Amino acid sequence: MDMSVESAVSAALGIKGAAAAQNQHNVLLRKVLDNQAQAITSLVDSMPKLATVGTVGTKLHVTA
C-alpha cells in the first residue's frame, strides 16, 4: 500500500479538523446541559416545601 506524503498530510489535517469541530460541539452541548440543569434546579427550589412532621400533609391516602 503506497501512500503519498500529500495524501497522508491531507488525511491528518482532515482528522485534526474533525476533532476540532467535535470539540466545539462538545463544549456547546456541555453549556446547554448546564443551563438546563440550572433551570431545573431553580424550578425545583421555587416549589413550596412539603410537611415533614405531623399528621397533615405527611401521608398520602389513596382509594382505588
N, C-alpha and C. Protein backbone atom coordinates (compact mmCIF):
# COMPACT_ATOMS: atom_id res chain seq x y z
N MET A 1 0.85 -1.17 0.00
CA MET A 1 0.00 0.00 0.00
C MET A 1 0.89 1.23 0.00
N ASP A 2 0.99 1.90 -1.12
CA ASP A 2 1.86 3.06 -1.27
C ASP A 2 1.05 4.33 -1.09
N MET A 3 1.31 5.03 0.01
CA MET A 3 0.58 6.26 0.31
C MET A 3 1.52 7.44 0.14
N SER A 4 1.10 8.40 -0.63
CA SER A 4 1.96 9.56 -0.86
C SER A 4 1.94 10.47 0.36
N VAL A 5 2.93 11.31 0.45
CA VAL A 5 3.05 12.23 1.58
C VAL A 5 1.89 13.22 1.58
N GLU A 6 1.49 13.67 0.41
CA GLU A 6 0.41 14.64 0.32
C GLU A 6 -0.90 14.07 0.85
N SER A 7 -1.19 12.85 0.50
CA SER A 7 -2.44 12.25 0.97
C SER A 7 -2.40 11.97 2.47
N ALA A 8 -1.23 11.63 2.98
CA ALA A 8 -1.09 11.41 4.42
C ALA A 8 -1.29 12.72 5.17
N VAL A 9 -0.71 13.81 4.67
CA VAL A 9 -0.87 15.12 5.30
C VAL A 9 -2.32 15.56 5.20
N SER A 10 -2.91 15.35 4.07
CA SER A 10 -4.31 15.72 3.88
C SER A 10 -5.22 14.95 4.84
N ALA A 11 -4.98 13.68 5.00
CA ALA A 11 -5.78 12.88 5.92
C ALA A 11 -5.58 13.35 7.36
N ALA A 12 -4.35 13.66 7.74
CA ALA A 12 -4.06 14.12 9.09
C ALA A 12 -4.75 15.46 9.37
N LEU A 13 -4.72 16.36 8.39
CA LEU A 13 -5.38 17.66 8.56
C LEU A 13 -6.90 17.49 8.64
N GLY A 14 -7.44 16.57 7.87
CA GLY A 14 -8.87 16.30 7.93
C GLY A 14 -9.30 15.76 9.28
N ILE A 15 -8.50 14.85 9.82
CA ILE A 15 -8.80 14.30 11.14
C ILE A 15 -8.68 15.38 12.20
N LYS A 16 -7.67 16.22 12.09
CA LYS A 16 -7.48 17.31 13.06
C LYS A 16 -8.66 18.27 13.01
N GLY A 17 -9.13 18.60 11.81
CA GLY A 17 -10.28 19.49 11.67
C GLY A 17 -11.55 18.88 12.23
N ALA A 18 -11.73 17.58 11.99
CA ALA A 18 -12.91 16.89 12.52
C ALA A 18 -12.87 16.84 14.04
N ALA A 19 -11.70 16.64 14.60
CA ALA A 19 -11.57 16.60 16.06
C ALA A 19 -11.86 17.97 16.66
N ALA A 20 -11.42 19.03 16.00
CA ALA A 20 -11.69 20.38 16.49
C ALA A 20 -13.18 20.69 16.43
N ALA A 21 -13.83 20.30 15.37
CA ALA A 21 -15.28 20.51 15.24
C ALA A 21 -16.03 19.72 16.31
N GLN A 22 -15.62 18.49 16.56
CA GLN A 22 -16.27 17.68 17.59
C GLN A 22 -16.07 18.30 18.96
N ASN A 23 -14.90 18.85 19.22
CA ASN A 23 -14.63 19.50 20.49
C ASN A 23 -15.54 20.72 20.67
N GLN A 24 -15.75 21.50 19.62
CA GLN A 24 -16.65 22.65 19.68
C GLN A 24 -18.08 22.21 19.98
N HIS A 25 -18.52 21.12 19.35
CA HIS A 25 -19.86 20.62 19.60
C HIS A 25 -20.00 20.14 21.05
N ASN A 26 -18.96 19.51 21.58
CA ASN A 26 -18.99 19.04 22.96
C ASN A 26 -19.08 20.20 23.94
N VAL A 27 -18.35 21.28 23.67
CA VAL A 27 -18.40 22.46 24.54
C VAL A 27 -19.80 23.07 24.52
N LEU A 28 -20.38 23.17 23.33
CA LEU A 28 -21.73 23.71 23.22
C LEU A 28 -22.74 22.82 23.95
N LEU A 29 -22.64 21.52 23.79
CA LEU A 29 -23.53 20.59 24.47
C LEU A 29 -23.41 20.73 25.98
N ARG A 30 -22.20 20.84 26.49
CA ARG A 30 -21.98 21.00 27.93
C ARG A 30 -22.65 22.28 28.43
N LYS A 31 -22.54 23.38 27.67
CA LYS A 31 -23.17 24.65 28.07
C LYS A 31 -24.69 24.51 28.10
N VAL A 32 -25.25 23.85 27.11
CA VAL A 32 -26.70 23.66 27.06
C VAL A 32 -27.17 22.81 28.24
N LEU A 33 -26.46 21.73 28.52
CA LEU A 33 -26.83 20.86 29.64
C LEU A 33 -26.70 21.58 30.98
N ASP A 34 -25.67 22.41 31.14
CA ASP A 34 -25.51 23.18 32.37
C ASP A 34 -26.65 24.18 32.54
N ASN A 35 -27.05 24.84 31.45
CA ASN A 35 -28.16 25.79 31.52
C ASN A 35 -29.46 25.07 31.88
N GLN A 36 -29.70 23.91 31.32
CA GLN A 36 -30.90 23.14 31.65
C GLN A 36 -30.88 22.70 33.11
N ALA A 37 -29.73 22.31 33.60
CA ALA A 37 -29.62 21.89 35.00
C ALA A 37 -29.92 23.06 35.93
N GLN A 38 -29.43 24.25 35.59
CA GLN A 38 -29.70 25.43 36.41
C GLN A 38 -31.19 25.78 36.38
N ALA A 39 -31.82 25.67 35.22
CA ALA A 39 -33.25 25.97 35.10
C ALA A 39 -34.08 24.99 35.93
N ILE A 40 -33.75 23.72 35.86
CA ILE A 40 -34.49 22.71 36.62
C ILE A 40 -34.27 22.91 38.11
N THR A 41 -33.05 23.21 38.51
CA THR A 41 -32.76 23.44 39.92
C THR A 41 -33.54 24.62 40.46
N SER A 42 -33.58 25.71 39.71
CA SER A 42 -34.33 26.89 40.17
C SER A 42 -35.83 26.60 40.22
N LEU A 43 -36.34 25.80 39.29
CA LEU A 43 -37.74 25.43 39.29
C LEU A 43 -38.09 24.58 40.51
N VAL A 44 -37.26 23.59 40.81
CA VAL A 44 -37.49 22.73 41.96
C VAL A 44 -37.36 23.53 43.26
N ASP A 45 -36.39 24.42 43.33
CA ASP A 45 -36.19 25.22 44.54
C ASP A 45 -37.33 26.19 44.77
N SER A 46 -38.03 26.61 43.71
CA SER A 46 -39.12 27.57 43.87
C SER A 46 -40.42 26.92 44.34
N MET A 47 -40.49 25.60 44.31
CA MET A 47 -41.70 24.91 44.75
C MET A 47 -41.79 24.95 46.28
N PRO A 48 -43.01 25.03 46.80
CA PRO A 48 -43.14 25.04 48.27
C PRO A 48 -42.71 23.70 48.86
N LYS A 49 -42.17 23.79 50.05
CA LYS A 49 -41.71 22.59 50.73
C LYS A 49 -42.90 21.88 51.37
N LEU A 50 -42.90 20.57 51.34
CA LEU A 50 -43.96 19.77 51.92
C LEU A 50 -43.71 19.56 53.40
N ALA A 51 -44.78 19.26 54.12
CA ALA A 51 -44.67 19.00 55.54
C ALA A 51 -43.88 17.72 55.78
N THR A 52 -43.08 17.72 56.84
CA THR A 52 -42.29 16.54 57.17
C THR A 52 -42.67 15.95 58.52
N VAL A 53 -43.38 16.73 59.35
CA VAL A 53 -43.82 16.23 60.66
C VAL A 53 -45.30 16.51 60.82
N GLY A 54 -45.96 15.76 61.67
CA GLY A 54 -47.37 15.96 61.92
C GLY A 54 -48.22 15.00 61.13
N THR A 55 -49.54 15.16 61.27
CA THR A 55 -50.45 14.25 60.62
C THR A 55 -51.02 14.82 59.31
N VAL A 56 -50.90 16.11 59.12
CA VAL A 56 -51.45 16.74 57.92
C VAL A 56 -50.33 16.96 56.89
N GLY A 57 -50.52 16.42 55.72
CA GLY A 57 -49.57 16.64 54.64
C GLY A 57 -48.39 15.70 54.60
N THR A 58 -48.34 14.74 55.50
CA THR A 58 -47.19 13.84 55.51
C THR A 58 -47.55 12.44 55.01
N LYS A 59 -48.85 12.17 54.85
CA LYS A 59 -49.28 10.85 54.39
C LYS A 59 -50.17 11.00 53.17
N LEU A 60 -50.11 10.03 52.31
CA LEU A 60 -50.94 10.01 51.11
C LEU A 60 -51.92 8.86 51.23
N HIS A 61 -53.22 9.18 51.17
CA HIS A 61 -54.26 8.17 51.28
C HIS A 61 -54.91 8.01 49.89
N VAL A 62 -54.88 6.80 49.38
CA VAL A 62 -55.41 6.54 48.06
C VAL A 62 -56.42 5.41 48.14
N THR A 63 -57.57 5.63 47.51
CA THR A 63 -58.59 4.58 47.42
C THR A 63 -58.78 4.23 45.96
N ALA A 64 -58.67 2.96 45.65
CA ALA A 64 -58.82 2.55 44.25
C ALA A 64 -60.23 2.11 43.98
